[in-house]
């Protein structure tokens, strides 16, 4: 079911990316025994932290959150290339920052050109700015 939704529903693809980022941010907070019940309290807790690189990562996180919200509630027509950019420019960067923190966790995320998943390959091929992803 999940692969069907991701392949046929761009709004769900963006939503899955956002909730992947949510888990990464929750893992960061859990190291201080902080567990948030909603998105606003999570952002508030993250904004209090003085962790190298978190400010920029939080900006990316908020952008991905907006895209996920908009795709579900205001703009149901999400283009394939928008999914690709959300992955490449937002989620990969968030998870990359998380992995550099050496929290004892390592979330595996591939570069766009390593993706063999049918759904992401479809999105990548339709991104007008993506000649070769990094």
Foldseek 3Di string as FASTA:
>chain_A
DLLVCLQPFLLVLLVVLLVVLVVLLQLVVCVVPDHDDDDVVSLVVLVPDDDPPSVVLSVLSVVSVVSSCCCPPPDVDDALLNSLCNVQVRSVVNLVVSQVVPSVDHDDDDWLVPDPSPRSVVSQVPNPPPPDTD
